[in-house]
Amino acid sequence: MKKLLYIVAVAALFLGQQVVQGIFMSDNISNLSHIIGGLVGAASGFALAKEQGPSSHAG
C-alpha cells in the first residue's frame, strides 16, 4: 500500500507540473506528449512488473 501511495504522489506531481507549464510557459516542448509518455511508461512498468512477479527488493 505504501508503494502505491508513492506512485500516486509522484504521478500527481508530474502531471501537475506539466499542466502548470502548459498553461504558463511558452516553449517548443509539447507538455501533452510528456504526459502521454509518462502514462505509457507507467503502464509499461506495471505490465513488466506483473510478468516478472514479486521482486526480491520489495519493501
N, C-alpha and C. Protein backbone atom coordinates (compact mmCIF):
# COMPACT_ATOMS: atom_id res chain seq x y z
N MET A 1 0.83 -1.20 0.00
CA MET A 1 0.00 0.00 0.00
C MET A 1 0.87 1.26 0.00
N LYS A 2 2.00 1.17 0.71
CA LYS A 2 2.90 2.31 0.81
C LYS A 2 3.48 2.68 -0.56
N LYS A 3 3.82 1.65 -1.35
CA LYS A 3 4.37 1.90 -2.68
C LYS A 3 3.34 2.57 -3.58
N LEU A 4 2.10 2.12 -3.49
CA LEU A 4 1.04 2.70 -4.31
C LEU A 4 0.86 4.18 -3.99
N LEU A 5 0.96 4.53 -2.72
CA LEU A 5 0.84 5.92 -2.32
C LEU A 5 1.95 6.77 -2.93
N TYR A 6 3.18 6.23 -2.91
CA TYR A 6 4.30 6.94 -3.53
C TYR A 6 4.10 7.11 -5.03
N ILE A 7 3.62 6.07 -5.68
CA ILE A 7 3.40 6.13 -7.13
C ILE A 7 2.36 7.20 -7.47
N VAL A 8 1.27 7.21 -6.71
CA VAL A 8 0.21 8.19 -6.95
C VAL A 8 0.72 9.60 -6.69
N ALA A 9 1.51 9.78 -5.63
CA ALA A 9 2.05 11.11 -5.30
C ALA A 9 2.98 11.61 -6.40
N VAL A 10 3.87 10.75 -6.88
CA VAL A 10 4.80 11.13 -7.94
C VAL A 10 4.04 11.44 -9.23
N ALA A 11 3.05 10.64 -9.55
CA ALA A 11 2.24 10.88 -10.75
C ALA A 11 1.50 12.22 -10.65
N ALA A 12 0.95 12.51 -9.48
CA ALA A 12 0.24 13.78 -9.30
C ALA A 12 1.19 14.97 -9.44
N LEU A 13 2.38 14.86 -8.87
CA LEU A 13 3.36 15.94 -9.01
C LEU A 13 3.78 16.13 -10.46
N PHE A 14 4.04 15.03 -11.14
CA PHE A 14 4.45 15.09 -12.55
C PHE A 14 3.36 15.72 -13.41
N LEU A 15 2.14 15.22 -13.27
CA LEU A 15 1.04 15.75 -14.08
C LEU A 15 0.76 17.21 -13.74
N GLY A 16 0.81 17.55 -12.46
CA GLY A 16 0.59 18.94 -12.05
C GLY A 16 1.62 19.88 -12.64
N GLN A 17 2.87 19.45 -12.62
CA GLN A 17 3.94 20.27 -13.18
C GLN A 17 3.73 20.47 -14.68
N GLN A 18 3.37 19.42 -15.39
CA GLN A 18 3.18 19.53 -16.83
C GLN A 18 1.99 20.42 -17.18
N VAL A 19 0.93 20.33 -16.39
CA VAL A 19 -0.25 21.17 -16.64
C VAL A 19 0.11 22.63 -16.40
N VAL A 20 0.79 22.93 -15.30
CA VAL A 20 1.17 24.31 -15.00
C VAL A 20 2.09 24.86 -16.08
N GLN A 21 3.07 24.07 -16.50
CA GLN A 21 3.97 24.52 -17.56
C GLN A 21 3.22 24.73 -18.87
N GLY A 22 2.25 23.87 -19.15
CA GLY A 22 1.46 24.02 -20.38
C GLY A 22 0.64 25.29 -20.39
N ILE A 23 0.21 25.73 -19.22
CA ILE A 23 -0.63 26.92 -19.14
C ILE A 23 0.22 28.19 -19.13
N PHE A 24 1.29 28.20 -18.34
CA PHE A 24 2.02 29.44 -18.09
C PHE A 24 3.32 29.61 -18.88
N MET A 25 3.83 28.57 -19.49
CA MET A 25 5.11 28.69 -20.21
C MET A 25 4.89 28.51 -21.70
N SER A 26 5.62 29.27 -22.46
CA SER A 26 5.54 29.15 -23.91
C SER A 26 6.89 28.67 -24.43
N ASP A 27 6.97 27.38 -24.71
CA ASP A 27 8.20 26.83 -25.27
C ASP A 27 7.83 25.85 -26.39
N ASN A 28 8.83 25.25 -26.99
CA ASN A 28 8.59 24.35 -28.11
C ASN A 28 8.41 22.90 -27.69
N ILE A 29 8.30 22.64 -26.41
CA ILE A 29 8.15 21.28 -25.93
C ILE A 29 6.68 21.02 -25.67
N SER A 30 6.18 19.95 -26.24
CA SER A 30 4.77 19.62 -26.04
C SER A 30 4.57 18.97 -24.69
N ASN A 31 3.88 19.64 -23.81
CA ASN A 31 3.62 19.09 -22.48
C ASN A 31 2.66 17.91 -22.55
N LEU A 32 1.77 17.92 -23.54
CA LEU A 32 0.87 16.78 -23.69
C LEU A 32 1.65 15.52 -24.01
N SER A 33 2.70 15.63 -24.82
CA SER A 33 3.50 14.45 -25.13
C SER A 33 4.24 13.95 -23.90
N HIS A 34 4.64 14.83 -23.00
CA HIS A 34 5.26 14.40 -21.75
C HIS A 34 4.25 13.64 -20.88
N ILE A 35 3.03 14.13 -20.82
CA ILE A 35 2.00 13.46 -20.03
C ILE A 35 1.71 12.08 -20.62
N ILE A 36 1.54 12.00 -21.93
CA ILE A 36 1.27 10.72 -22.57
C ILE A 36 2.45 9.76 -22.38
N GLY A 37 3.66 10.27 -22.52
CA GLY A 37 4.84 9.44 -22.31
C GLY A 37 4.92 8.90 -20.89
N GLY A 38 4.57 9.72 -19.93
CA GLY A 38 4.55 9.27 -18.54
C GLY A 38 3.53 8.18 -18.30
N LEU A 39 2.36 8.33 -18.89
CA LEU A 39 1.31 7.32 -18.74
C LEU A 39 1.70 6.01 -19.41
N VAL A 40 2.28 6.10 -20.61
CA VAL A 40 2.72 4.90 -21.32
C VAL A 40 3.85 4.21 -20.55
N GLY A 41 4.78 4.99 -20.03
CA GLY A 41 5.87 4.43 -19.25
C GLY A 41 5.38 3.75 -17.99
N ALA A 42 4.43 4.36 -17.31
CA ALA A 42 3.88 3.76 -16.10
C ALA A 42 3.15 2.46 -16.42
N ALA A 43 2.35 2.48 -17.48
CA ALA A 43 1.62 1.27 -17.87
C ALA A 43 2.59 0.15 -18.25
N SER A 44 3.65 0.51 -18.97
CA SER A 44 4.65 -0.49 -19.35
C SER A 44 5.35 -1.06 -18.12
N GLY A 45 5.70 -0.20 -17.20
CA GLY A 45 6.35 -0.65 -15.97
C GLY A 45 5.48 -1.59 -15.17
N PHE A 46 4.20 -1.26 -15.04
CA PHE A 46 3.29 -2.14 -14.31
C PHE A 46 3.12 -3.47 -15.02
N ALA A 47 3.03 -3.44 -16.36
CA ALA A 47 2.86 -4.68 -17.12
C ALA A 47 4.10 -5.56 -16.99
N LEU A 48 5.27 -4.98 -17.08
CA LEU A 48 6.50 -5.77 -16.94
C LEU A 48 6.66 -6.31 -15.53
N ALA A 49 6.29 -5.53 -14.54
CA ALA A 49 6.40 -5.97 -13.16
C ALA A 49 5.44 -7.13 -12.89
N LYS A 50 4.27 -7.09 -13.49
CA LYS A 50 3.30 -8.16 -13.32
C LYS A 50 3.82 -9.46 -13.92
N GLU A 51 4.47 -9.37 -15.10
CA GLU A 51 5.01 -10.55 -15.77
C GLU A 51 6.12 -11.19 -14.96
N GLN A 52 6.96 -10.37 -14.31
CA GLN A 52 8.11 -10.89 -13.60
C GLN A 52 7.76 -11.41 -12.21
N GLY A 53 6.63 -11.04 -11.70
CA GLY A 53 6.23 -11.49 -10.38
C GLY A 53 6.82 -10.62 -9.29
N PRO A 54 6.70 -11.06 -8.04
CA PRO A 54 7.19 -10.25 -6.91
C PRO A 54 8.71 -10.07 -6.96
N SER A 55 9.15 -8.91 -6.60
CA SER A 55 10.58 -8.60 -6.61
C SER A 55 11.20 -8.91 -5.26
N SER A 56 12.46 -9.28 -5.28
CA SER A 56 13.17 -9.53 -4.02
C SER A 56 13.50 -8.23 -3.32
N HIS A 57 13.32 -7.09 -4.01
CA HIS A 57 13.61 -5.78 -3.44
C HIS A 57 12.39 -5.14 -2.81
N ALA A 58 11.29 -5.87 -2.79
CA ALA A 58 10.05 -5.30 -2.24
C ALA A 58 10.25 -4.97 -0.76
N GLY A 59 9.76 -3.79 -0.38
CA GLY A 59 9.97 -3.40 1.00
C GLY A 59 8.75 -2.93 1.59
